[in-house]
N, C-alpha and C. Protein backbone atom coordinates (compact mmCIF):
# COMPACT_ATOMS: atom_id res chain seq x y z
N MET A 1 -2.50 6.06 -6.31
CA MET A 1 -3.33 4.88 -6.08
C MET A 1 -2.67 3.67 -6.73
N VAL A 2 -2.66 2.56 -6.00
CA VAL A 2 -2.17 1.29 -6.51
C VAL A 2 -3.32 0.31 -6.44
N ALA A 3 -3.75 -0.21 -7.59
CA ALA A 3 -4.92 -1.08 -7.63
C ALA A 3 -4.57 -2.43 -8.23
N ALA A 4 -5.18 -3.47 -7.69
CA ALA A 4 -4.94 -4.83 -8.20
C ALA A 4 -5.96 -5.77 -7.60
N ALA A 5 -6.05 -6.97 -8.17
CA ALA A 5 -6.88 -8.02 -7.62
C ALA A 5 -6.28 -8.53 -6.30
N PRO A 6 -7.08 -9.17 -5.46
CA PRO A 6 -6.54 -9.75 -4.22
C PRO A 6 -5.44 -10.76 -4.52
N GLY A 7 -4.38 -10.70 -3.73
CA GLY A 7 -3.30 -11.68 -3.86
C GLY A 7 -2.23 -11.35 -4.88
N VAL A 8 -2.39 -10.26 -5.61
CA VAL A 8 -1.37 -9.90 -6.61
C VAL A 8 -0.13 -9.31 -5.94
N GLY A 9 -0.33 -8.53 -4.86
CA GLY A 9 0.82 -7.99 -4.15
C GLY A 9 0.77 -6.50 -3.88
N LYS A 10 -0.43 -5.92 -3.74
CA LYS A 10 -0.55 -4.48 -3.46
C LYS A 10 0.19 -4.10 -2.17
N SER A 11 -0.12 -4.82 -1.09
CA SER A 11 0.49 -4.49 0.20
C SER A 11 1.99 -4.70 0.17
N ALA A 12 2.42 -5.77 -0.47
CA ALA A 12 3.86 -6.03 -0.59
C ALA A 12 4.54 -4.91 -1.37
N PHE A 13 3.92 -4.46 -2.44
CA PHE A 13 4.44 -3.38 -3.27
C PHE A 13 4.60 -2.10 -2.44
N ALA A 14 3.56 -1.76 -1.67
CA ALA A 14 3.59 -0.54 -0.86
C ALA A 14 4.65 -0.62 0.24
N LEU A 15 4.70 -1.75 0.94
CA LEU A 15 5.65 -1.91 2.03
C LEU A 15 7.09 -1.90 1.50
N ASN A 16 7.31 -2.56 0.38
CA ASN A 16 8.64 -2.58 -0.23
C ASN A 16 9.09 -1.17 -0.59
N TYR A 17 8.15 -0.37 -1.13
CA TYR A 17 8.47 1.01 -1.48
C TYR A 17 8.88 1.81 -0.24
N ALA A 18 8.10 1.67 0.83
CA ALA A 18 8.39 2.43 2.05
C ALA A 18 9.75 2.07 2.61
N ILE A 19 10.07 0.78 2.63
CA ILE A 19 11.34 0.33 3.21
C ILE A 19 12.53 0.75 2.35
N LYS A 20 12.42 0.51 1.04
CA LYS A 20 13.56 0.81 0.16
C LYS A 20 13.78 2.31 0.01
N ALA A 21 12.71 3.09 0.02
CA ALA A 21 12.85 4.54 -0.10
C ALA A 21 13.29 5.18 1.21
N LYS A 22 13.21 4.40 2.31
CA LYS A 22 13.61 4.88 3.64
C LYS A 22 12.84 6.15 4.02
N LEU A 23 11.54 6.14 3.77
CA LEU A 23 10.71 7.28 4.09
C LEU A 23 10.05 7.10 5.46
N LYS A 24 9.91 8.19 6.18
CA LYS A 24 9.20 8.15 7.46
C LYS A 24 7.72 7.97 7.13
N THR A 25 7.17 6.83 7.57
CA THR A 25 5.90 6.36 7.04
C THR A 25 4.86 6.13 8.12
N LEU A 26 3.63 6.54 7.83
CA LEU A 26 2.45 6.15 8.61
C LEU A 26 1.68 5.16 7.76
N TYR A 27 1.55 3.92 8.24
CA TYR A 27 0.91 2.85 7.49
C TYR A 27 -0.41 2.50 8.17
N ILE A 28 -1.54 2.89 7.55
CA ILE A 28 -2.87 2.58 8.07
C ILE A 28 -3.28 1.25 7.47
N SER A 29 -3.41 0.21 8.30
CA SER A 29 -3.58 -1.15 7.78
C SER A 29 -4.73 -1.90 8.43
N PRO A 30 -5.98 -1.49 8.15
CA PRO A 30 -7.10 -2.29 8.66
C PRO A 30 -7.25 -3.62 7.94
N ASP A 31 -6.55 -3.79 6.80
CA ASP A 31 -6.69 -4.99 5.99
C ASP A 31 -5.72 -6.10 6.39
N SER A 32 -4.67 -5.77 7.15
CA SER A 32 -3.66 -6.76 7.54
C SER A 32 -3.40 -6.64 9.03
N ASP A 33 -2.86 -7.72 9.65
CA ASP A 33 -2.55 -7.66 11.07
C ASP A 33 -1.05 -7.49 11.29
N MET A 34 -0.68 -7.33 12.55
CA MET A 34 0.71 -7.04 12.90
C MET A 34 1.64 -8.18 12.50
N MET A 35 1.23 -9.43 12.74
CA MET A 35 2.10 -10.56 12.41
C MET A 35 2.39 -10.61 10.91
N MET A 36 1.35 -10.41 10.11
CA MET A 36 1.54 -10.47 8.66
C MET A 36 2.55 -9.44 8.18
N LEU A 37 2.42 -8.21 8.67
CA LEU A 37 3.31 -7.16 8.19
C LEU A 37 4.72 -7.28 8.76
N THR A 38 4.85 -7.69 10.03
CA THR A 38 6.19 -7.83 10.58
C THR A 38 6.95 -8.98 9.93
N GLN A 39 6.26 -10.07 9.60
CA GLN A 39 6.96 -11.17 8.93
C GLN A 39 7.36 -10.76 7.51
N ARG A 40 6.54 -9.91 6.87
CA ARG A 40 6.91 -9.40 5.55
C ARG A 40 8.12 -8.49 5.64
N ILE A 41 8.18 -7.66 6.67
CA ILE A 41 9.32 -6.78 6.86
C ILE A 41 10.60 -7.59 7.04
N LEU A 42 10.53 -8.61 7.88
CA LEU A 42 11.71 -9.44 8.14
C LEU A 42 12.11 -10.23 6.89
N ALA A 43 11.14 -10.79 6.20
CA ALA A 43 11.44 -11.55 4.98
C ALA A 43 12.11 -10.68 3.94
N GLN A 44 11.60 -9.46 3.77
CA GLN A 44 12.16 -8.55 2.78
C GLN A 44 13.58 -8.13 3.16
N GLY A 45 13.78 -7.81 4.44
CA GLY A 45 15.08 -7.34 4.88
C GLY A 45 16.15 -8.41 4.91
N TRP A 46 15.76 -9.63 5.25
CA TRP A 46 16.73 -10.71 5.38
C TRP A 46 16.75 -11.67 4.19
N ASN A 47 15.87 -11.44 3.21
CA ASN A 47 15.78 -12.30 2.03
C ASN A 47 15.54 -13.76 2.43
N ILE A 48 14.49 -13.94 3.23
CA ILE A 48 14.09 -15.28 3.67
C ILE A 48 12.61 -15.48 3.39
N ASP A 49 12.16 -16.73 3.40
CA ASP A 49 10.74 -17.00 3.20
C ASP A 49 9.92 -16.40 4.35
N THR A 50 8.69 -15.98 4.04
CA THR A 50 7.83 -15.43 5.08
C THR A 50 7.51 -16.46 6.16
N GLN A 51 7.47 -17.74 5.80
CA GLN A 51 7.22 -18.79 6.78
C GLN A 51 8.37 -18.86 7.78
N VAL A 52 9.61 -18.75 7.28
CA VAL A 52 10.78 -18.74 8.17
C VAL A 52 10.75 -17.50 9.04
N ALA A 53 10.37 -16.37 8.45
CA ALA A 53 10.28 -15.13 9.21
C ALA A 53 9.27 -15.25 10.35
N GLU A 54 8.13 -15.87 10.06
CA GLU A 54 7.11 -16.06 11.09
C GLU A 54 7.63 -16.92 12.24
N GLU A 55 8.38 -17.97 11.91
CA GLU A 55 8.93 -18.84 12.95
C GLU A 55 9.94 -18.09 13.82
N LEU A 56 10.76 -17.24 13.21
CA LEU A 56 11.74 -16.46 13.97
C LEU A 56 11.05 -15.46 14.90
N ILE A 57 9.96 -14.87 14.42
CA ILE A 57 9.22 -13.90 15.23
C ILE A 57 8.54 -14.61 16.40
N GLU A 58 7.92 -15.74 16.13
CA GLU A 58 7.24 -16.48 17.20
C GLU A 58 8.23 -16.95 18.25
N ALA A 59 9.47 -17.26 17.82
CA ALA A 59 10.51 -17.69 18.75
C ALA A 59 11.20 -16.50 19.42
N GLU A 60 10.83 -15.27 19.00
CA GLU A 60 11.44 -14.04 19.52
C GLU A 60 12.96 -14.08 19.39
N GLU A 61 13.42 -14.52 18.23
CA GLU A 61 14.86 -14.57 17.95
C GLU A 61 15.43 -13.15 18.08
N PRO A 62 16.48 -12.96 18.90
CA PRO A 62 16.94 -11.60 19.25
C PRO A 62 17.29 -10.72 18.05
N ASP A 63 18.05 -11.25 17.09
CA ASP A 63 18.45 -10.42 15.95
C ASP A 63 17.23 -10.04 15.11
N ALA A 64 16.28 -10.96 14.98
CA ALA A 64 15.07 -10.65 14.24
C ALA A 64 14.26 -9.56 14.95
N MET A 65 14.16 -9.67 16.27
CA MET A 65 13.43 -8.65 17.03
C MET A 65 14.10 -7.28 16.90
N ASP A 66 15.44 -7.27 16.92
CA ASP A 66 16.17 -6.01 16.78
C ASP A 66 15.93 -5.39 15.42
N TYR A 67 15.91 -6.24 14.37
CA TYR A 67 15.70 -5.72 13.02
C TYR A 67 14.31 -5.11 12.90
N ILE A 68 13.30 -5.80 13.43
CA ILE A 68 11.93 -5.30 13.36
C ILE A 68 11.79 -4.01 14.16
N ALA A 69 12.42 -3.95 15.33
CA ALA A 69 12.35 -2.75 16.16
C ALA A 69 13.00 -1.56 15.45
N GLU A 70 14.09 -1.81 14.75
CA GLU A 70 14.77 -0.74 14.01
C GLU A 70 13.89 -0.23 12.87
N THR A 71 13.24 -1.17 12.18
CA THR A 71 12.35 -0.78 11.08
C THR A 71 11.15 -0.01 11.61
N ALA A 72 10.69 -0.36 12.80
CA ALA A 72 9.53 0.31 13.40
C ALA A 72 9.80 1.78 13.67
N LYS A 73 11.08 2.16 13.75
CA LYS A 73 11.40 3.58 13.92
C LYS A 73 11.09 4.36 12.65
N LEU A 74 11.04 3.66 11.54
CA LEU A 74 10.78 4.29 10.24
C LEU A 74 9.30 4.22 9.87
N ILE A 75 8.62 3.13 10.26
CA ILE A 75 7.23 2.92 9.85
C ILE A 75 6.34 2.79 11.07
N TRP A 76 5.38 3.68 11.21
CA TRP A 76 4.40 3.67 12.30
C TRP A 76 3.14 2.99 11.76
N PHE A 77 2.77 1.87 12.35
CA PHE A 77 1.60 1.11 11.90
C PHE A 77 0.38 1.41 12.77
N ASP A 78 -0.78 1.42 12.12
CA ASP A 78 -2.04 1.43 12.85
C ASP A 78 -2.92 0.34 12.26
N PHE A 79 -3.43 -0.56 13.11
CA PHE A 79 -4.19 -1.72 12.66
C PHE A 79 -5.67 -1.64 13.01
N GLN A 80 -6.16 -0.46 13.34
CA GLN A 80 -7.57 -0.32 13.72
C GLN A 80 -8.46 -0.78 12.58
N ALA A 81 -9.41 -1.63 12.89
CA ALA A 81 -10.36 -2.10 11.88
C ALA A 81 -11.39 -1.02 11.57
N GLY A 82 -11.67 -0.82 10.29
CA GLY A 82 -12.71 0.11 9.88
C GLY A 82 -12.51 1.54 10.34
N PRO A 83 -11.34 2.14 10.09
CA PRO A 83 -11.15 3.53 10.55
C PRO A 83 -12.06 4.50 9.80
N ARG A 84 -12.50 5.53 10.49
CA ARG A 84 -13.22 6.63 9.86
C ARG A 84 -12.21 7.72 9.51
N LEU A 85 -12.64 8.70 8.74
CA LEU A 85 -11.72 9.76 8.32
C LEU A 85 -11.13 10.49 9.52
N GLN A 86 -11.94 10.67 10.57
CA GLN A 86 -11.43 11.34 11.77
C GLN A 86 -10.33 10.51 12.43
N ASP A 87 -10.45 9.19 12.38
CA ASP A 87 -9.40 8.32 12.94
C ASP A 87 -8.09 8.50 12.18
N ILE A 88 -8.19 8.59 10.87
CA ILE A 88 -6.97 8.80 10.07
C ILE A 88 -6.37 10.16 10.37
N ARG A 89 -7.22 11.17 10.47
CA ARG A 89 -6.73 12.51 10.83
C ARG A 89 -6.03 12.48 12.19
N ASP A 90 -6.64 11.79 13.16
CA ASP A 90 -6.04 11.70 14.49
C ASP A 90 -4.69 10.99 14.44
N ASN A 91 -4.58 9.96 13.62
CA ASN A 91 -3.31 9.25 13.47
C ASN A 91 -2.23 10.14 12.90
N ILE A 92 -2.59 10.93 11.91
CA ILE A 92 -1.61 11.85 11.30
C ILE A 92 -1.13 12.86 12.33
N GLU A 93 -2.06 13.41 13.09
CA GLU A 93 -1.68 14.41 14.10
C GLU A 93 -0.90 13.76 15.25
N ALA A 94 -1.26 12.53 15.62
CA ALA A 94 -0.51 11.83 16.67
C ALA A 94 0.93 11.58 16.23
N TYR A 95 1.10 11.18 14.97
CA TYR A 95 2.45 10.98 14.43
C TYR A 95 3.25 12.28 14.55
N ALA A 96 2.64 13.39 14.13
CA ALA A 96 3.35 14.67 14.18
C ALA A 96 3.68 15.08 15.61
N THR A 97 2.79 14.76 16.55
CA THR A 97 3.03 15.10 17.95
C THR A 97 4.22 14.31 18.50
N VAL A 98 4.27 13.03 18.19
CA VAL A 98 5.34 12.17 18.71
C VAL A 98 6.69 12.48 18.06
N TRP A 99 6.69 12.62 16.73
CA TRP A 99 7.95 12.75 15.99
C TRP A 99 8.34 14.19 15.66
N GLY A 100 7.43 15.13 15.93
CA GLY A 100 7.76 16.53 15.68
C GLY A 100 7.65 16.96 14.23
N GLU A 101 7.12 16.09 13.38
CA GLU A 101 6.93 16.41 11.96
C GLU A 101 5.94 15.42 11.37
N TYR A 102 5.36 15.80 10.26
CA TYR A 102 4.43 14.90 9.59
C TYR A 102 5.19 13.78 8.87
N PRO A 103 4.55 12.65 8.65
CA PRO A 103 5.21 11.59 7.90
C PRO A 103 5.48 12.03 6.46
N GLU A 104 6.51 11.43 5.87
CA GLU A 104 6.80 11.70 4.46
C GLU A 104 5.90 10.88 3.54
N LEU A 105 5.47 9.73 4.04
CA LEU A 105 4.64 8.82 3.27
C LEU A 105 3.50 8.32 4.15
N ILE A 106 2.27 8.35 3.63
CA ILE A 106 1.12 7.79 4.31
C ILE A 106 0.52 6.73 3.39
N ILE A 107 0.41 5.50 3.87
CA ILE A 107 -0.15 4.40 3.09
C ILE A 107 -1.50 4.01 3.68
N ILE A 108 -2.52 3.96 2.83
CA ILE A 108 -3.85 3.53 3.24
C ILE A 108 -4.12 2.17 2.59
N ASP A 109 -4.26 1.13 3.40
CA ASP A 109 -4.37 -0.24 2.88
C ASP A 109 -5.64 -0.90 3.49
N ASN A 110 -6.78 -0.73 2.87
CA ASN A 110 -7.22 -0.35 1.53
C ASN A 110 -8.30 0.72 1.61
N LEU A 111 -8.61 1.31 0.45
CA LEU A 111 -9.64 2.35 0.39
C LEU A 111 -10.99 1.84 0.89
N LYS A 112 -11.36 0.61 0.54
CA LYS A 112 -12.68 0.09 0.90
C LYS A 112 -12.86 -0.07 2.41
N ASP A 113 -11.76 -0.11 3.16
CA ASP A 113 -11.85 -0.32 4.60
C ASP A 113 -12.11 0.97 5.38
N ILE A 114 -12.03 2.12 4.71
CA ILE A 114 -12.36 3.38 5.38
C ILE A 114 -13.88 3.47 5.53
N GLN A 115 -14.33 3.69 6.74
CA GLN A 115 -15.77 3.72 7.03
C GLN A 115 -16.26 5.16 7.12
N ASN A 116 -17.12 5.55 6.17
CA ASN A 116 -17.84 6.81 6.28
C ASN A 116 -19.23 6.60 5.68
N ASP A 117 -20.05 7.61 5.72
CA ASP A 117 -21.46 7.46 5.38
C ASP A 117 -21.68 7.56 3.87
N GLY A 118 -22.84 7.05 3.44
CA GLY A 118 -23.22 7.17 2.05
C GLY A 118 -23.01 5.88 1.27
N SER A 119 -23.27 5.95 -0.04
CA SER A 119 -23.06 4.81 -0.92
C SER A 119 -21.57 4.55 -1.08
N GLU A 120 -21.25 3.40 -1.65
CA GLU A 120 -19.84 3.09 -1.87
C GLU A 120 -19.17 4.16 -2.72
N TYR A 121 -19.82 4.58 -3.77
CA TYR A 121 -19.27 5.63 -4.65
C TYR A 121 -19.02 6.91 -3.84
N GLU A 122 -19.99 7.31 -3.03
CA GLU A 122 -19.85 8.53 -2.23
C GLU A 122 -18.74 8.37 -1.20
N ARG A 123 -18.67 7.21 -0.56
CA ARG A 123 -17.65 6.97 0.46
C ARG A 123 -16.25 7.05 -0.15
N PHE A 124 -16.07 6.39 -1.28
CA PHE A 124 -14.75 6.39 -1.92
C PHE A 124 -14.33 7.80 -2.30
N ASN A 125 -15.24 8.56 -2.89
CA ASN A 125 -14.87 9.90 -3.34
C ASN A 125 -14.66 10.86 -2.18
N GLU A 126 -15.44 10.70 -1.11
CA GLU A 126 -15.21 11.52 0.09
C GLU A 126 -13.84 11.21 0.69
N SER A 127 -13.48 9.93 0.71
CA SER A 127 -12.17 9.53 1.25
C SER A 127 -11.04 10.08 0.40
N ILE A 128 -11.18 10.00 -0.93
CA ILE A 128 -10.14 10.52 -1.81
C ILE A 128 -9.99 12.03 -1.63
N ASP A 129 -11.10 12.75 -1.53
CA ASP A 129 -11.03 14.20 -1.31
C ASP A 129 -10.32 14.51 0.01
N PHE A 130 -10.65 13.75 1.05
CA PHE A 130 -10.00 13.94 2.35
C PHE A 130 -8.49 13.70 2.25
N LEU A 131 -8.10 12.62 1.58
CA LEU A 131 -6.68 12.30 1.45
C LEU A 131 -5.95 13.34 0.60
N HIS A 132 -6.63 13.86 -0.41
CA HIS A 132 -6.05 14.92 -1.23
C HIS A 132 -5.77 16.16 -0.38
N GLN A 133 -6.73 16.53 0.46
CA GLN A 133 -6.54 17.68 1.36
C GLN A 133 -5.43 17.41 2.38
N SER A 134 -5.36 16.16 2.86
CA SER A 134 -4.32 15.81 3.83
C SER A 134 -2.94 15.89 3.20
N ALA A 135 -2.83 15.50 1.95
CA ALA A 135 -1.54 15.60 1.25
C ALA A 135 -1.10 17.06 1.15
N ARG A 136 -2.03 17.92 0.84
CA ARG A 136 -1.70 19.35 0.76
C ARG A 136 -1.29 19.90 2.12
N ALA A 137 -2.00 19.49 3.17
CA ALA A 137 -1.74 20.03 4.51
C ALA A 137 -0.43 19.54 5.10
N THR A 138 -0.03 18.32 4.75
CA THR A 138 1.15 17.70 5.38
C THR A 138 2.37 17.62 4.47
N SER A 139 2.17 17.83 3.17
CA SER A 139 3.22 17.64 2.14
C SER A 139 3.68 16.19 2.07
N ALA A 140 2.86 15.28 2.56
CA ALA A 140 3.19 13.86 2.51
C ALA A 140 2.77 13.27 1.16
N HIS A 141 3.50 12.25 0.74
CA HIS A 141 3.07 11.41 -0.38
C HIS A 141 2.05 10.43 0.19
N ILE A 142 0.83 10.46 -0.31
CA ILE A 142 -0.20 9.54 0.18
C ILE A 142 -0.44 8.48 -0.90
N MET A 143 -0.26 7.22 -0.52
CA MET A 143 -0.49 6.08 -1.40
C MET A 143 -1.69 5.31 -0.86
N VAL A 144 -2.71 5.19 -1.68
CA VAL A 144 -3.91 4.45 -1.26
C VAL A 144 -4.05 3.21 -2.13
N LEU A 145 -4.27 2.07 -1.50
CA LEU A 145 -4.43 0.80 -2.21
C LEU A 145 -5.91 0.58 -2.47
N HIS A 146 -6.19 -0.06 -3.62
CA HIS A 146 -7.60 -0.18 -4.02
C HIS A 146 -7.82 -1.47 -4.80
N HIS A 147 -9.09 -1.84 -4.92
CA HIS A 147 -9.49 -3.08 -5.59
C HIS A 147 -9.97 -2.82 -7.02
N VAL A 148 -10.15 -3.90 -7.76
CA VAL A 148 -10.56 -3.81 -9.15
C VAL A 148 -11.87 -4.56 -9.35
N VAL A 149 -12.52 -4.28 -10.48
CA VAL A 149 -13.83 -4.90 -10.75
C VAL A 149 -13.65 -6.36 -11.15
N GLY A 150 -14.77 -7.10 -11.12
CA GLY A 150 -14.76 -8.55 -11.26
C GLY A 150 -14.01 -9.10 -12.45
N HIS A 151 -14.09 -8.43 -13.59
CA HIS A 151 -13.45 -8.94 -14.81
C HIS A 151 -11.94 -9.10 -14.63
N TYR A 152 -11.36 -8.29 -13.74
CA TYR A 152 -9.90 -8.30 -13.56
C TYR A 152 -9.46 -8.99 -12.27
N GLU A 153 -10.41 -9.61 -11.57
CA GLU A 153 -10.08 -10.21 -10.28
C GLU A 153 -9.31 -11.53 -10.40
N ASP A 154 -9.09 -12.01 -11.64
CA ASP A 154 -8.22 -13.18 -11.78
C ASP A 154 -6.77 -12.83 -11.51
N GLY A 155 -6.45 -11.53 -11.53
CA GLY A 155 -5.09 -11.08 -11.24
C GLY A 155 -4.13 -11.25 -12.39
N LEU A 156 -4.59 -11.81 -13.50
CA LEU A 156 -3.71 -12.14 -14.62
C LEU A 156 -3.83 -11.14 -15.78
N THR A 157 -4.90 -10.38 -15.80
CA THR A 157 -5.17 -9.46 -16.90
C THR A 157 -4.72 -8.06 -16.54
N PRO A 158 -3.97 -7.37 -17.41
CA PRO A 158 -3.61 -5.97 -17.14
C PRO A 158 -4.87 -5.14 -16.89
N VAL A 159 -4.83 -4.29 -15.86
CA VAL A 159 -6.03 -3.56 -15.43
C VAL A 159 -5.98 -2.13 -15.97
N PRO A 160 -6.95 -1.73 -16.79
CA PRO A 160 -7.01 -0.35 -17.26
C PRO A 160 -7.58 0.57 -16.20
N LEU A 161 -7.59 1.86 -16.49
CA LEU A 161 -8.12 2.84 -15.54
C LEU A 161 -9.60 2.58 -15.25
N THR A 162 -10.32 2.07 -16.23
CA THR A 162 -11.75 1.79 -16.03
C THR A 162 -11.99 0.55 -15.17
N GLY A 163 -10.94 -0.19 -14.82
CA GLY A 163 -11.08 -1.41 -14.06
C GLY A 163 -11.11 -1.21 -12.56
N LEU A 164 -10.98 0.04 -12.08
CA LEU A 164 -11.01 0.30 -10.65
C LEU A 164 -12.44 0.28 -10.13
N VAL A 165 -12.65 -0.30 -8.96
CA VAL A 165 -13.98 -0.31 -8.36
C VAL A 165 -14.46 1.12 -8.13
N GLN A 166 -15.59 1.48 -8.69
CA GLN A 166 -16.24 2.79 -8.59
C GLN A 166 -15.40 3.92 -9.22
N LYS A 167 -14.28 3.56 -9.84
CA LYS A 167 -13.47 4.52 -10.62
C LYS A 167 -13.18 5.83 -9.87
N PRO A 168 -12.55 5.74 -8.67
CA PRO A 168 -12.32 6.95 -7.87
C PRO A 168 -11.01 7.66 -8.22
N GLY A 169 -10.63 7.69 -9.49
CA GLY A 169 -9.31 8.20 -9.84
C GLY A 169 -9.26 9.64 -10.30
N LYS A 170 -10.40 10.36 -10.29
CA LYS A 170 -10.41 11.72 -10.86
C LYS A 170 -9.46 12.67 -10.15
N SER A 171 -9.37 12.58 -8.82
CA SER A 171 -8.52 13.51 -8.06
C SER A 171 -7.15 12.93 -7.75
N VAL A 172 -6.87 11.73 -8.26
CA VAL A 172 -5.60 11.06 -7.97
C VAL A 172 -4.58 11.43 -9.04
N ARG A 173 -3.39 11.79 -8.62
CA ARG A 173 -2.39 12.28 -9.57
C ARG A 173 -1.70 11.14 -10.32
N LEU A 174 -1.56 9.98 -9.67
CA LEU A 174 -0.87 8.85 -10.29
C LEU A 174 -1.63 7.57 -9.93
N VAL A 175 -1.95 6.77 -10.94
CA VAL A 175 -2.62 5.49 -10.70
C VAL A 175 -1.81 4.39 -11.36
N LEU A 176 -1.37 3.43 -10.53
CA LEU A 176 -0.68 2.24 -11.01
C LEU A 176 -1.59 1.04 -10.81
N THR A 177 -1.59 0.13 -11.77
CA THR A 177 -2.30 -1.14 -11.58
C THR A 177 -1.30 -2.28 -11.71
N LEU A 178 -1.56 -3.34 -10.95
CA LEU A 178 -0.65 -4.47 -10.88
C LEU A 178 -1.36 -5.73 -11.35
N HIS A 179 -0.60 -6.64 -11.96
CA HIS A 179 -1.14 -7.95 -12.32
C HIS A 179 0.00 -8.95 -12.38
N LYS A 180 -0.34 -10.23 -12.39
CA LYS A 180 0.65 -11.29 -12.49
C LYS A 180 0.91 -11.60 -13.97
N VAL A 181 2.14 -11.38 -14.40
CA VAL A 181 2.51 -11.69 -15.79
C VAL A 181 2.76 -13.18 -15.93
N GLN A 182 3.54 -13.73 -14.99
CA GLN A 182 3.86 -15.15 -14.90
C GLN A 182 4.46 -15.36 -13.53
N PRO A 183 4.67 -16.59 -13.10
CA PRO A 183 5.29 -16.78 -11.78
C PRO A 183 6.62 -16.04 -11.68
N GLY A 184 6.75 -15.23 -10.62
CA GLY A 184 7.98 -14.48 -10.41
C GLY A 184 8.03 -13.14 -11.11
N ILE A 185 6.98 -12.77 -11.85
CA ILE A 185 6.97 -11.50 -12.58
C ILE A 185 5.67 -10.75 -12.30
N MET A 186 5.78 -9.50 -11.86
CA MET A 186 4.64 -8.63 -11.64
C MET A 186 4.62 -7.55 -12.72
N GLY A 187 3.44 -7.33 -13.30
CA GLY A 187 3.27 -6.25 -14.25
C GLY A 187 2.80 -5.00 -13.54
N VAL A 188 3.47 -3.87 -13.79
CA VAL A 188 3.08 -2.58 -13.22
C VAL A 188 2.71 -1.67 -14.39
N ARG A 189 1.46 -1.22 -14.43
CA ARG A 189 1.00 -0.40 -15.53
C ARG A 189 0.63 1.00 -15.04
N VAL A 190 1.09 2.01 -15.76
CA VAL A 190 0.81 3.41 -15.43
C VAL A 190 -0.43 3.81 -16.22
N VAL A 191 -1.58 3.82 -15.55
CA VAL A 191 -2.83 4.09 -16.26
C VAL A 191 -3.29 5.54 -16.12
N LYS A 192 -2.66 6.28 -15.21
CA LYS A 192 -2.90 7.72 -15.12
C LYS A 192 -1.70 8.39 -14.49
N SER A 193 -1.28 9.51 -15.04
CA SER A 193 -0.21 10.30 -14.44
C SER A 193 -0.40 11.75 -14.88
N ASN A 194 -0.44 12.65 -13.91
CA ASN A 194 -0.60 14.07 -14.24
C ASN A 194 0.69 14.70 -14.76
N ASN A 195 1.83 14.03 -14.52
CA ASN A 195 3.12 14.66 -14.82
C ASN A 195 3.98 13.88 -15.79
N SER A 196 3.55 12.71 -16.22
CA SER A 196 4.40 11.91 -17.10
C SER A 196 3.54 11.00 -17.97
N ARG A 197 4.18 10.18 -18.75
CA ARG A 197 3.47 9.32 -19.68
C ARG A 197 2.60 8.30 -18.96
N SER A 198 1.46 8.02 -19.54
CA SER A 198 0.56 7.00 -19.01
C SER A 198 -0.34 6.52 -20.14
N SER A 199 -1.06 5.45 -19.89
CA SER A 199 -2.00 4.93 -20.87
C SER A 199 -3.17 4.28 -20.13
N GLY A 200 -4.36 4.85 -20.30
CA GLY A 200 -5.52 4.37 -19.58
C GLY A 200 -5.91 2.94 -19.90
N ASP A 201 -5.43 2.43 -21.05
CA ASP A 201 -5.78 1.06 -21.42
C ASP A 201 -4.79 0.03 -20.90
N ALA A 202 -3.86 0.46 -20.03
CA ALA A 202 -2.87 -0.43 -19.39
C ALA A 202 -1.84 -0.97 -20.38
N SER A 203 -1.58 -0.24 -21.45
CA SER A 203 -0.59 -0.68 -22.43
C SER A 203 0.81 -0.15 -22.13
N TYR A 204 0.93 0.73 -21.13
CA TYR A 204 2.24 1.32 -20.80
C TYR A 204 2.63 0.96 -19.37
N GLY A 205 3.85 0.47 -19.21
CA GLY A 205 4.34 0.13 -17.88
C GLY A 205 5.59 -0.70 -17.96
N VAL A 206 5.82 -1.48 -16.93
CA VAL A 206 7.04 -2.27 -16.84
C VAL A 206 6.75 -3.56 -16.09
N ASP A 207 7.49 -4.60 -16.39
CA ASP A 207 7.40 -5.86 -15.65
C ASP A 207 8.61 -5.97 -14.72
N ILE A 208 8.37 -6.36 -13.48
CA ILE A 208 9.44 -6.46 -12.49
C ILE A 208 9.41 -7.83 -11.82
N GLY A 209 10.56 -8.24 -11.33
CA GLY A 209 10.63 -9.50 -10.61
C GLY A 209 9.98 -9.38 -9.24
N PHE A 210 9.20 -10.40 -8.87
CA PHE A 210 8.55 -10.40 -7.56
C PHE A 210 8.38 -11.83 -7.08
N LEU A 211 8.99 -12.12 -5.92
CA LEU A 211 8.85 -13.42 -5.28
C LEU A 211 8.09 -13.20 -3.98
N PRO A 212 6.77 -13.43 -3.97
CA PRO A 212 5.97 -13.11 -2.79
C PRO A 212 6.37 -13.88 -1.54
N GLU A 213 6.87 -15.10 -1.71
CA GLU A 213 7.25 -15.89 -0.54
C GLU A 213 8.47 -15.31 0.18
N ARG A 214 9.22 -14.43 -0.51
CA ARG A 214 10.38 -13.77 0.11
C ARG A 214 10.23 -12.26 0.17
N MET A 215 9.11 -11.75 -0.31
CA MET A 215 8.90 -10.31 -0.37
C MET A 215 10.01 -9.63 -1.17
N TRP A 216 10.49 -10.32 -2.20
CA TRP A 216 11.60 -9.81 -3.00
C TRP A 216 11.10 -9.14 -4.27
N PHE A 217 11.57 -7.91 -4.51
CA PHE A 217 11.29 -7.20 -5.75
C PHE A 217 12.62 -6.90 -6.43
N SER A 218 12.61 -6.92 -7.75
CA SER A 218 13.83 -6.64 -8.50
C SER A 218 14.14 -5.16 -8.56
N GLY A 219 13.17 -4.31 -8.24
CA GLY A 219 13.41 -2.88 -8.32
C GLY A 219 12.80 -2.16 -7.13
């Protein structure tokens, strides 16, 4: 799970990971549209501003289109608004049918956008249980993006494990929280890890370079 306030860079962090790791990815994105993600892909790959990337895409610049098409072979996007758990299951199976294997990475952007019945607490925990079972069934790394409670929504304060909305981290093996340290620097804190060092109070982690206008990360 990767959690942060709006605008800190959760989606950018996830997309950057998928591209740099070169993993076969299913990206469930009810929170973003196709233009936003394709311009981020182009900006990250070509080290250009997202505004310039958007202009190249709108102009259908041939090299830009080729780059995006090549990246699309690695990342399968679904932009359905408000998917239910069955929709996510269908997407996973559709990916396997088309490519002959399950994705190596499944990104859910964001947990709150999954539509199922019950209270918010019940919905979040049902979704996490479903994703946990899906990880076991497919051997995929599943990364789910999530929001934080009001006290941390300024994006500037390191977020502890208790700062996650409804605290759905019990079945999650690794929880990272993100915040803005200063312009150009993102703080990444390891607040839970089943296999390595972590600190629930957000005192353990690393600061990395991040230029959102170029989708550039130092690591």
